[in-house]
Amino acid sequence: MAWRGGSGPGSPLGPALGAERMPGMVAAPSSSSSSSSQGRARARDRNNLLHRAEFLSLNQPPKGTQESPTSSSSSRKGGTSTSDGAPAAPRRSSQQLPEEDCMQLNPSFRGIAYSALLAIDISISKRLGVCASTASSWGSARSMVLLLGLTGHGLPWVAGTLLCLMRSSTLAGQEVLLNLLLALLLDIVLVAWVQKLAKRRGPFDVAPGALDYLTLDLYAFPAGQASRAAMVAKFLLNHLVLAVPLRVLLVIWAGLVGLSRVVVGRHHVTDVLAGFACGFLQFRLVEALWMSSNTCQMLIAMW
């Protein structure tokens, strides 16, 4: 009977059984298995932290190491290969990141303290610059403050010392005046040299005057007038017999000269303090190199 075989071509079970028995045939994957594998892949992507939005920048190469379009196209067309025949890795540019884009994550305590003190110095100096221009709060007193600062300039002191030296008739006076002239010239040279090394600008955009160009007092650190005032005051206090009121006035004058340079916006507070320190050091140096009366007489005779 036809129904007992069940495997004939006319039987409805024949094609199914024949398909099972035919060697080399693979059953097609079902839609349920493919959807489950895609779901697992999406779950892995969600669990991967690097695929989150806040971590996407970690997968991007730095700007300086990105491959240029010309090099990538040339490597696709005919890339180089190593000695064993393996394709070489694409060459990337070694351009470094700009310095302003780099961030120092672990600054030293010294650097933090220096930056804080520098910011405080600039802030205080700007607040004290009340005569920096005619439009400032004390702009009407700018001319008087500039005149006070002129009393500590090097050129008037050098000219005045030379005039007094030519008119002096005593050996003691010539000795003191000649050493004072040496101290003034030494102060101008040393301050100009230190300013050239530091090259620090003032807190305000105040251009140097004509006398500043003559004495090479072009930068802010250290303050030349403050250095000169401290050195001259210390020199006169040690080598001249003065009454107590005059000694007090001499110290006040030196302090006001230094303060005037901050008020007109030409120097910072630290510039003036450094100028005072330089003045005292120069006085010590002149005392160590003090020229005797015989040496002064010889120099005067040669002149």
C-alpha atoms as a PDB file:
ATOM      1  CA  MET A   1       0.000   0.000   0.000  1.00  0.00           C
ATOM      2  CA  ALA A   2       1.196   3.499  -0.756  1.00  0.00           C
ATOM      3  CA  TRP A   3       0.750   4.812   2.765  1.00  0.00           C
ATOM      4  CA  ARG A   4       3.043   2.156   4.464  1.00  0.00           C
ATOM      5  CA  GLY A   5       6.249   3.298   2.758  1.00  0.00           C
ATOM      6  CA  GLY A   6       5.748   6.953   3.679  1.00  0.00           C
ATOM      7  CA  SER A   7       8.864   7.869   1.757  1.00  0.00           C
ATOM      8  CA  GLY A   8       7.688   7.965  -1.758  1.00  0.00           C
ATOM      9  CA  PRO A   9       7.593  11.071  -3.775  1.00  0.00           C
ATOM     10  CA  GLY A  10       3.874  11.162  -3.554  1.00  0.00           C
ATOM     11  CA  SER A  11       3.805  10.922   0.185  1.00  0.00           C
ATOM     12  CA  PRO A  12       3.520  14.185   2.144  1.00  0.00           C
ATOM     13  CA  LEU A  13       6.270  12.989   4.518  1.00  0.00           C
ATOM     14  CA  GLY A  14       8.649  12.208   1.747  1.00  0.00           C
ATOM     15  CA  PRO A  15      10.157  15.620   1.185  1.00  0.00           C
ATOM     16  CA  ALA A  16      10.703  16.237   4.894  1.00  0.00           C
ATOM     17  CA  LEU A  17      12.298  12.829   5.499  1.00  0.00           C
ATOM     18  CA  GLY A  18      14.305  13.123   2.382  1.00  0.00           C
ATOM     19  CA  ALA A  19      15.642  16.455   3.469  1.00  0.00           C
ATOM     20  CA  GLU A  20      16.730  14.992   6.750  1.00  0.00           C
ATOM     21  CA  ARG A  21      18.507  12.127   5.114  1.00  0.00           C
ATOM     22  CA  MET A  22      20.282  14.110   2.365  1.00  0.00           C
ATOM     23  CA  PRO A  23      23.943  14.566   3.299  1.00  0.00           C
ATOM     24  CA  GLY A  24      25.708  17.976   3.016  1.00  0.00           C
ATOM     25  CA  MET A  25      22.650  20.056   3.710  1.00  0.00           C
ATOM     26  CA  VAL A  26      22.714  22.549   6.640  1.00  0.00           C
ATOM     27  CA  ALA A  27      19.632  23.867   8.220  1.00  0.00           C
ATOM     28  CA  ALA A  28      19.212  27.673   8.056  1.00  0.00           C
ATOM     29  CA  PRO A  29      19.589  29.536  11.422  1.00  0.00           C
ATOM     30  CA  SER A  30      16.382  30.493  12.959  1.00  0.00           C
ATOM     31  CA  SER A  31      15.335  34.103  13.505  1.00  0.00           C
ATOM     32  CA  SER A  32      15.128  33.593  17.261  1.00  0.00           C
ATOM     33  CA  SER A  33      18.840  32.642  17.581  1.00  0.00           C
ATOM     34  CA  SER A  34      20.011  35.670  15.518  1.00  0.00           C
ATOM     35  CA  SER A  35      17.900  38.079  17.547  1.00  0.00           C
ATOM     36  CA  SER A  36      19.259  36.645  20.809  1.00  0.00           C
ATOM     37  CA  SER A  37      22.887  37.051  19.645  1.00  0.00           C
ATOM     38  CA  GLN A  38      22.216  40.651  18.638  1.00  0.00           C
ATOM     39  CA  GLY A  39      20.651  41.306  22.020  1.00  0.00           C
ATOM     40  CA  ARG A  40      23.699  39.903  23.778  1.00  0.00           C
ATOM     41  CA  ALA A  41      25.983  42.105  21.651  1.00  0.00           C
ATOM     42  CA  ARG A  42      23.953  45.193  22.522  1.00  0.00           C
ATOM     43  CA  ALA A  43      24.078  44.252  26.203  1.00  0.00           C
ATOM     44  CA  ARG A  44      27.865  43.964  26.020  1.00  0.00           C
ATOM     45  CA  ASP A  45      28.046  47.394  24.375  1.00  0.00           C
ATOM     46  CA  ARG A  46      25.922  48.900  27.102  1.00  0.00           C
ATOM     47  CA  ASN A  47      28.058  47.330  29.820  1.00  0.00           C
ATOM     48  CA  ASN A  48      31.291  48.598  28.219  1.00  0.00           C
ATOM     49  CA  LEU A  49      32.269  51.829  29.983  1.00  0.00           C
ATOM     50  CA  LEU A  50      34.316  53.104  27.067  1.00  0.00           C
ATOM     51  CA  HIS A  51      31.202  53.255  24.886  1.00  0.00           C
ATOM     52  CA  ARG A  52      29.452  55.744  27.152  1.00  0.00           C
ATOM     53  CA  ALA A  53      29.127  59.346  26.042  1.00  0.00           C
ATOM     54  CA  GLU A  54      31.405  60.745  28.745  1.00  0.00           C
ATOM     55  CA  PHE A  55      34.214  58.337  27.790  1.00  0.00           C
ATOM     56  CA  LEU A  56      34.054  58.688  24.022  1.00  0.00           C
ATOM     57  CA  SER A  57      36.982  61.127  24.004  1.00  0.00           C
ATOM     58  CA  LEU A  58      39.238  58.377  25.390  1.00  0.00           C
ATOM     59  CA  ASN A  59      38.834  56.398  22.200  1.00  0.00           C
ATOM     60  CA  GLN A  60      39.922  59.329  20.029  1.00  0.00           C
ATOM     61  CA  PRO A  61      43.662  59.747  19.283  1.00  0.00           C
ATOM     62  CA  PRO A  62      45.293  63.085  20.199  1.00  0.00           C
ATOM     63  CA  LYS A  63      45.244  65.825  17.603  1.00  0.00           C
ATOM     64  CA  GLY A  64      49.000  65.800  17.263  1.00  0.00           C
ATOM     65  CA  THR A  65      49.066  62.063  16.451  1.00  0.00           C
ATOM     66  CA  GLN A  66      46.248  61.932  13.903  1.00  0.00           C
ATOM     67  CA  GLU A  67      47.284  60.703  10.514  1.00  0.00           C
ATOM     68  CA  SER A  68      47.181  63.275   7.764  1.00  0.00           C
ATOM     69  CA  PRO A  69      44.910  62.642   4.777  1.00  0.00           C
ATOM     70  CA  THR A  70      47.818  62.579   2.333  1.00  0.00           C
ATOM     71  CA  SER A  71      49.759  60.004   4.321  1.00  0.00           C
ATOM     72  CA  SER A  72      46.674  57.806   4.785  1.00  0.00           C
ATOM     73  CA  SER A  73      45.844  57.904   1.083  1.00  0.00           C
ATOM     74  CA  SER A  74      49.426  57.105   0.135  1.00  0.00           C
ATOM     75  CA  SER A  75      49.503  54.200   2.582  1.00  0.00           C
ATOM     76  CA  ARG A  76      46.265  52.853   1.087  1.00  0.00           C
ATOM     77  CA  LYS A  77      47.620  53.110  -2.418  1.00  0.00           C
ATOM     78  CA  GLY A  78      51.001  51.507  -1.883  1.00  0.00           C
ATOM     79  CA  GLY A  79      51.930  51.147   1.761  1.00  0.00           C
ATOM     80  CA  THR A  80      55.425  50.233   2.820  1.00  0.00           C
ATOM     81  CA  SER A  81      56.279  46.844   4.173  1.00  0.00           C
ATOM     82  CA  THR A  82      58.901  45.519   6.559  1.00  0.00           C
ATOM     83  CA  SER A  83      61.815  43.269   5.691  1.00  0.00           C
ATOM     84  CA  ASP A  84      59.789  40.087   6.346  1.00  0.00           C
ATOM     85  CA  GLY A  85      57.039  41.177   3.984  1.00  0.00           C
ATOM     86  CA  ALA A  86      54.509  42.215   6.623  1.00  0.00           C
ATOM     87  CA  PRO A  87      52.806  45.555   6.034  1.00  0.00           C
ATOM     88  CA  ALA A  88      54.299  48.310   8.154  1.00  0.00           C
ATOM     89  CA  ALA A  89      52.182  50.280  10.594  1.00  0.00           C
ATOM     90  CA  PRO A  90      50.987  53.657   9.308  1.00  0.00           C
ATOM     91  CA  ARG A  91      53.407  56.449  10.158  1.00  0.00           C
ATOM     92  CA  ARG A  92      51.990  59.118  12.424  1.00  0.00           C
ATOM     93  CA  SER A  93      53.259  62.616  12.913  1.00  0.00           C
ATOM     94  CA  SER A  94      55.212  63.347  16.084  1.00  0.00           C
ATOM     95  CA  GLN A  95      53.835  66.842  16.506  1.00  0.00           C
ATOM     96  CA  GLN A  96      53.599  67.786  20.154  1.00  0.00           C
ATOM     97  CA  LEU A  97      50.660  69.473  21.747  1.00  0.00           C
ATOM     98  CA  PRO A  98      50.921  73.238  22.281  1.00  0.00           C
ATOM     99  CA  GLU A  99      52.262  74.268  25.652  1.00  0.00           C
ATOM    100  CA  GLU A 100      49.122  76.221  26.537  1.00  0.00           C
ATOM    101  CA  ASP A 101      47.011  73.061  26.002  1.00  0.00           C
ATOM    102  CA  CYS A 102      49.012  71.065  28.537  1.00  0.00           C
ATOM    103  CA  MET A 103      47.929  71.052  32.182  1.00  0.00           C
ATOM    104  CA  GLN A 104      50.233  70.459  35.121  1.00  0.00           C
ATOM    105  CA  LEU A 105      48.326  68.040  37.306  1.00  0.00           C
ATOM    106  CA  ASN A 106      50.783  68.002  40.234  1.00  0.00           C
ATOM    107  CA  PRO A 107      52.361  71.441  40.721  1.00  0.00           C
ATOM    108  CA  SER A 108      54.946  71.838  43.440  1.00  0.00           C
ATOM    109  CA  PHE A 109      54.308  73.771  46.619  1.00  0.00           C
ATOM    110  CA  ARG A 110      57.001  76.251  45.641  1.00  0.00           C
ATOM    111  CA  GLY A 111      55.271  76.956  42.331  1.00  0.00           C
ATOM    112  CA  ILE A 112      51.890  77.436  44.018  1.00  0.00           C
ATOM    113  CA  ALA A 113      53.376  79.783  46.642  1.00  0.00           C
ATOM    114  CA  TYR A 114      55.239  81.787  43.991  1.00  0.00           C
ATOM    115  CA  SER A 115      52.112  82.185  41.853  1.00  0.00           C
ATOM    116  CA  ALA A 116      50.046  83.253  44.874  1.00  0.00           C
ATOM    117  CA  LEU A 117      52.613  85.837  45.990  1.00  0.00           C
ATOM    118  CA  LEU A 118      52.931  87.161  42.449  1.00  0.00           C
ATOM    119  CA  ALA A 119      49.154  87.581  42.181  1.00  0.00           C
ATOM    120  CA  ILE A 120      49.031  89.383  45.543  1.00  0.00           C
ATOM    121  CA  ASP A 121      51.895  91.664  44.484  1.00  0.00           C
ATOM    122  CA  ILE A 122      50.178  92.628  41.231  1.00  0.00           C
ATOM    123  CA  SER A 123      46.847  93.220  42.967  1.00  0.00           C
ATOM    124  CA  ILE A 124      48.338  95.474  45.667  1.00  0.00           C
ATOM    125  CA  SER A 125      50.460  97.374  43.139  1.00  0.00           C
ATOM    126  CA  LYS A 126      47.439  98.101  40.964  1.00  0.00           C
ATOM    127  CA  ARG A 127      45.454  99.315  43.954  1.00  0.00           C
ATOM    128  CA  LEU A 128      48.276 101.663  44.972  1.00  0.00           C
ATOM    129  CA  GLY A 129      48.699 103.042  41.452  1.00  0.00           C
ATOM    130  CA  VAL A 130      46.384 105.978  42.114  1.00  0.00           C
ATOM    131  CA  CYS A 131      48.505 108.345  39.993  1.00  0.00           C
ATOM    132  CA  ALA A 132      49.192 106.023  37.082  1.00  0.00           C
ATOM    133  CA  SER A 133      47.500 108.448  34.692  1.00  0.00           C
ATOM    134  CA  THR A 134      45.734 111.779  34.777  1.00  0.00           C
ATOM    135  CA  ALA A 135      42.401 109.932  34.730  1.00  0.00           C
ATOM    136  CA  SER A 136      43.210 108.019  37.940  1.00  0.00           C
ATOM    137  CA  SER A 137      41.663 108.833  41.295  1.00  0.00           C
ATOM    138  CA  TRP A 138      44.656 110.976  42.329  1.00  0.00           C
ATOM    139  CA  GLY A 139      45.581 112.019  38.813  1.00  0.00           C
ATOM    140  CA  SER A 140      45.816 115.698  39.763  1.00  0.00           C
ATOM    141  CA  ALA A 141      48.813 114.928  42.037  1.00  0.00           C
ATOM    142  CA  ARG A 142      50.712 112.985  39.397  1.00  0.00           C
ATOM    143  CA  SER A 143      53.113 115.862  38.580  1.00  0.00           C
ATOM    144  CA  MET A 144      54.060 116.312  42.245  1.00  0.00           C
ATOM    145  CA  VAL A 145      54.665 112.579  42.682  1.00  0.00           C
ATOM    146  CA  LEU A 146      56.791 112.466  39.536  1.00  0.00           C
ATOM    147  CA  LEU A 147      58.869 115.363  40.871  1.00  0.00           C
ATOM    148  CA  LEU A 148      59.421 113.460  44.114  1.00  0.00           C
ATOM    149  CA  GLY A 149      60.591 110.421  42.172  1.00  0.00           C
ATOM    150  CA  LEU A 150      62.948 112.629  40.149  1.00  0.00           C
ATOM    151  CA  THR A 151      64.897 113.414  43.342  1.00  0.00           C
ATOM    152  CA  GLY A 152      66.008 109.788  43.409  1.00  0.00           C
ATOM    153  CA  HIS A 153      67.072 109.651  39.779  1.00  0.00           C
ATOM    154  CA  GLY A 154      70.685 108.832  39.009  1.00  0.00           C
ATOM    155  CA  LEU A 155      71.470 111.625  36.548  1.00  0.00           C
ATOM    156  CA  PRO A 156      70.775 114.569  38.933  1.00  0.00           C
ATOM    157  CA  TRP A 157      72.795 112.889  41.671  1.00  0.00           C
ATOM    158  CA  VAL A 158      75.777 112.233  39.384  1.00  0.00           C
ATOM    159  CA  ALA A 159      75.729 115.817  38.087  1.00  0.00           C
ATOM    160  CA  GLY A 160      75.390 117.277  41.587  1.00  0.00           C
ATOM    161  CA  THR A 161      78.225 115.115  42.951  1.00  0.00           C
ATOM    162  CA  LEU A 162      80.542 116.157  40.126  1.00  0.00           C
ATOM    163  CA  LEU A 163      79.750 119.829  40.712  1.00  0.00           C
ATOM    164  CA  CYS A 164      80.439 119.550  44.440  1.00  0.00           C
ATOM    165  CA  LEU A 165      83.653 117.619  43.761  1.00  0.00           C
ATOM    166  CA  MET A 166      84.993 120.346  41.491  1.00  0.00           C
ATOM    167  CA  ARG A 167      84.248 123.036  44.099  1.00  0.00           C
ATOM    168  CA  SER A 168      85.514 121.081  47.098  1.00  0.00           C
ATOM    169  CA  SER A 169      88.812 122.273  48.562  1.00  0.00           C
ATOM    170  CA  THR A 170      89.284 119.849  51.497  1.00  0.00           C
ATOM    171  CA  LEU A 171      90.822 116.392  51.274  1.00  0.00           C
ATOM    172  CA  ALA A 172      88.106 114.797  53.422  1.00  0.00           C
ATOM    173  CA  GLY A 173      85.344 116.291  51.285  1.00  0.00           C
ATOM    174  CA  GLN A 174      86.985 115.169  48.056  1.00  0.00           C
ATOM    175  CA  GLU A 175      87.413 111.657  49.445  1.00  0.00           C
ATOM    176  CA  VAL A 176      83.754 111.360  50.420  1.00  0.00           C
ATOM    177  CA  LEU A 177      82.477 112.882  47.191  1.00  0.00           C
ATOM    178  CA  LEU A 178      84.658 110.712  44.971  1.00  0.00           C
ATOM    179  CA  ASN A 179      83.519 107.539  46.723  1.00  0.00           C
ATOM    180  CA  LEU A 180      79.919 108.727  46.444  1.00  0.00           C
ATOM    181  CA  LEU A 181      80.416 109.223  42.701  1.00  0.00           C
ATOM    182  CA  LEU A 182      81.798 105.705  42.443  1.00  0.00           C
ATOM    183  CA  ALA A 183      78.772 104.380  44.350  1.00  0.00           C
ATOM    184  CA  LEU A 184      76.338 106.199  42.042  1.00  0.00           C
ATOM    185  CA  LEU A 185      78.001 104.883  38.873  1.00  0.00           C
ATOM    186  CA  LEU A 186      78.091 101.382  40.334  1.00  0.00           C
ATOM    187  CA  ASP A 187      74.393 101.622  41.200  1.00  0.00           C
ATOM    188  CA  ILE A 188      73.434 102.655  37.649  1.00  0.00           C
ATOM    189  CA  VAL A 189      75.421  99.807  36.075  1.00  0.00           C
ATOM    190  CA  LEU A 190      74.252  97.068  38.459  1.00  0.00           C
ATOM    191  CA  VAL A 191      70.564  98.063  38.361  1.00  0.00           C
ATOM    192  CA  ALA A 192      70.595  98.258  34.550  1.00  0.00           C
ATOM    193  CA  TRP A 193      72.232  94.811  34.375  1.00  0.00           C
ATOM    194  CA  VAL A 194      69.713  93.170  36.731  1.00  0.00           C
ATOM    195  CA  GLN A 195      66.798  94.818  34.919  1.00  0.00           C
ATOM    196  CA  LYS A 196      68.127  93.525  31.608  1.00  0.00           C
ATOM    197  CA  LEU A 197      68.191  90.008  33.025  1.00  0.00           C
ATOM    198  CA  ALA A 198      64.733  90.153  34.653  1.00  0.00           C
ATOM    199  CA  LYS A 199      62.913  92.170  31.933  1.00  0.00           C
ATOM    200  CA  ARG A 200      59.854  92.627  34.138  1.00  0.00           C
ATOM    201  CA  ARG A 201      57.242  95.145  33.101  1.00  0.00           C
ATOM    202  CA  GLY A 202      55.404  97.439  35.459  1.00  0.00           C
ATOM    203  CA  PRO A 203      51.814  96.954  36.630  1.00  0.00           C
ATOM    204  CA  PHE A 204      50.605  99.670  34.233  1.00  0.00           C
ATOM    205  CA  ASP A 205      51.559 100.504  30.683  1.00  0.00           C
ATOM    206  CA  VAL A 206      53.705 103.495  31.655  1.00  0.00           C
ATOM    207  CA  ALA A 207      56.449 104.359  29.168  1.00  0.00           C
ATOM    208  CA  PRO A 208      59.904 105.250  30.556  1.00  0.00           C
ATOM    209  CA  GLY A 209      60.877 108.918  30.501  1.00  0.00           C
ATOM    210  CA  ALA A 210      63.819 110.590  28.810  1.00  0.00           C
ATOM    211  CA  LEU A 211      65.978 110.406  31.957  1.00  0.00           C
ATOM    212  CA  ASP A 212      65.142 106.709  32.284  1.00  0.00           C
ATOM    213  CA  TYR A 213      66.548 106.079  28.821  1.00  0.00           C
ATOM    214  CA  LEU A 214      69.736 107.988  29.698  1.00  0.00           C
ATOM    215  CA  THR A 215      70.355 105.848  32.797  1.00  0.00           C
ATOM    216  CA  LEU A 216      69.080 102.603  31.173  1.00  0.00           C
ATOM    217  CA  ASP A 217      66.248 102.351  33.719  1.00  0.00           C
ATOM    218  CA  LEU A 218      63.816 100.720  31.278  1.00  0.00           C
ATOM    219  CA  TYR A 219      62.328  97.789  33.230  1.00  0.00           C
ATOM    220  CA  ALA A 220      60.592  97.443  36.581  1.00  0.00           C
ATOM    221  CA  PHE A 221      62.675  94.971  38.600  1.00  0.00           C
ATOM    222  CA  PRO A 222      64.417  96.260  40.650  1.00  0.00           C
ATOM    223  CA  ALA A 223      63.342  99.888  41.069  1.00  0.00           C
ATOM    224  CA  GLY A 224      66.331 102.095  40.242  1.00  0.00           C
ATOM    225  CA  GLN A 225      65.151 105.144  42.175  1.00  0.00           C
ATOM    226  CA  ALA A 226      64.489 103.056  45.277  1.00  0.00           C
ATOM    227  CA  SER A 227      67.936 101.450  45.076  1.00  0.00           C
ATOM    228  CA  ARG A 228      69.616 104.813  44.610  1.00  0.00           C
ATOM    229  CA  ALA A 229      67.673 106.483  47.417  1.00  0.00           C
ATOM    230  CA  ALA A 230      68.496 103.720  49.888  1.00  0.00           C
ATOM    231  CA  MET A 231      72.183 103.731  48.946  1.00  0.00           C
ATOM    232  CA  VAL A 232      72.531 107.531  49.115  1.00  0.00           C
ATOM    233  CA  ALA A 233      70.640 107.758  52.413  1.00  0.00           C
ATOM    234  CA  LYS A 234      72.798 105.066  53.987  1.00  0.00           C
ATOM    235  CA  PHE A 235      75.966 106.669  52.611  1.00  0.00           C
ATOM    236  CA  LEU A 236      75.135 110.154  53.916  1.00  0.00           C
ATOM    237  CA  LEU A 237      74.060 108.835  57.312  1.00  0.00           C
ATOM    238  CA  ASN A 238      77.413 107.078  57.731  1.00  0.00           C
ATOM    239  CA  HIS A 239      79.767 109.726  56.387  1.00  0.00           C
ATOM    240  CA  LEU A 240      78.130 113.052  57.260  1.00  0.00           C
ATOM    241  CA  VAL A 241      77.503 114.529  60.671  1.00  0.00           C
ATOM    242  CA  LEU A 242      73.805 115.405  60.624  1.00  0.00           C
ATOM    243  CA  ALA A 243      71.334 116.456  63.265  1.00  0.00           C
ATOM    244  CA  VAL A 244      68.638 114.020  64.313  1.00  0.00           C
ATOM    245  CA  PRO A 245      65.802 115.803  62.422  1.00  0.00           C
ATOM    246  CA  LEU A 246      67.859 115.726  59.243  1.00  0.00           C
ATOM    247  CA  ARG A 247      68.598 112.033  59.701  1.00  0.00           C
ATOM    248  CA  VAL A 248      64.899 111.316  60.149  1.00  0.00           C
ATOM    249  CA  LEU A 249      64.025 113.395  57.092  1.00  0.00           C
ATOM    250  CA  LEU A 250      66.635 111.518  55.060  1.00  0.00           C
ATOM    251  CA  VAL A 251      65.081 108.161  55.935  1.00  0.00           C
ATOM    252  CA  ILE A 252      61.560 109.470  55.190  1.00  0.00           C
ATOM    253  CA  TRP A 253      62.773 110.835  51.848  1.00  0.00           C
ATOM    254  CA  ALA A 254      64.151 107.443  50.802  1.00  0.00           C
ATOM    255  CA  GLY A 255      60.871 105.732  51.715  1.00  0.00           C
ATOM    256  CA  LEU A 256      58.757 108.303  49.861  1.00  0.00           C
ATOM    257  CA  VAL A 257      60.886 107.972  46.730  1.00  0.00           C
ATOM    258  CA  GLY A 258      60.252 104.236  46.675  1.00  0.00           C
ATOM    259  CA  LEU A 259      56.530 104.709  47.351  1.00  0.00           C
ATOM    260  CA  SER A 260      56.220 107.286  44.578  1.00  0.00           C
ATOM    261  CA  ARG A 261      57.339 104.723  41.999  1.00  0.00           C
ATOM    262  CA  VAL A 262      54.439 102.465  42.977  1.00  0.00           C
ATOM    263  CA  VAL A 263      51.927 105.314  43.078  1.00  0.00           C
ATOM    264  CA  VAL A 264      52.711 106.419  39.514  1.00  0.00           C
ATOM    265  CA  GLY A 265      52.333 102.802  38.304  1.00  0.00           C
ATOM    266  CA  ARG A 266      55.941 102.392  37.215  1.00  0.00           C
ATOM    267  CA  HIS A 267      56.962  99.604  39.634  1.00  0.00           C
ATOM    268  CA  HIS A 268      55.449  96.829  41.740  1.00  0.00           C
ATOM    269  CA  VAL A 269      55.773  96.709  45.507  1.00  0.00           C
ATOM    270  CA  THR A 270      58.308  93.882  45.255  1.00  0.00           C
ATOM    271  CA  ASP A 271      60.331  95.937  42.759  1.00  0.00           C
ATOM    272  CA  VAL A 272      60.701  98.721  45.325  1.00  0.00           C
ATOM    273  CA  LEU A 273      61.580  96.294  48.124  1.00  0.00           C
ATOM    274  CA  ALA A 274      64.173  94.645  45.888  1.00  0.00           C
ATOM    275  CA  GLY A 275      65.513  98.124  45.070  1.00  0.00           C
ATOM    276  CA  PHE A 276      65.971  98.926  48.757  1.00  0.00           C
ATOM    277  CA  ALA A 277      67.824  95.641  49.248  1.00  0.00           C
ATOM    278  CA  CYS A 278      70.081  96.362  46.256  1.00  0.00           C
ATOM    279  CA  GLY A 279      70.853  99.805  47.660  1.00  0.00           C
ATOM    280  CA  PHE A 280      72.021  98.397  50.992  1.00  0.00           C
ATOM    281  CA  LEU A 281      74.133  95.737  49.230  1.00  0.00           C
ATOM    282  CA  GLN A 282      75.735  98.372  47.029  1.00  0.00           C
ATOM    283  CA  PHE A 283      76.567 100.466  50.081  1.00  0.00           C
ATOM    284  CA  ARG A 284      78.312  97.461  51.643  1.00  0.00           C
ATOM    285  CA  LEU A 285      80.235  96.909  48.421  1.00  0.00           C
ATOM    286  CA  VAL A 286      81.355 100.547  48.249  1.00  0.00           C
ATOM    287  CA  GLU A 287      82.469 100.388  51.893  1.00  0.00           C
ATOM    288  CA  ALA A 288      84.549  97.312  51.063  1.00  0.00           C
ATOM    289  CA  LEU A 289      86.077  99.076  48.018  1.00  0.00           C
ATOM    290  CA  TRP A 290      86.537 102.412  49.777  1.00  0.00           C
ATOM    291  CA  MET A 291      89.218 104.563  48.132  1.00  0.00           C
ATOM    292  CA  SER A 292      91.652 106.245  50.461  1.00  0.00           C
ATOM    293  CA  SER A 293      92.565 109.913  50.362  1.00  0.00           C
ATOM    294  CA  ASN A 294      95.817 109.254  48.476  1.00  0.00           C
ATOM    295  CA  THR A 295      93.994 107.285  45.780  1.00  0.00           C
ATOM    296  CA  CYS A 296      91.412 110.029  45.445  1.00  0.00           C
ATOM    297  CA  GLN A 297      94.121 112.689  45.104  1.00  0.00           C
ATOM    298  CA  MET A 298      95.839 110.637  42.408  1.00  0.00           C
ATOM    299  CA  LEU A 299      92.605 110.231  40.466  1.00  0.00           C
ATOM    300  CA  ILE A 300      91.803 113.921  40.772  1.00  0.00           C
ATOM    301  CA  ALA A 301      95.296 114.851  39.558  1.00  0.00           C
ATOM    302  CA  MET A 302      94.925 112.529  36.552  1.00  0.00           C
ATOM    303  CA  TRP A 303      91.541 114.072  35.754  1.00  0.00           C
END
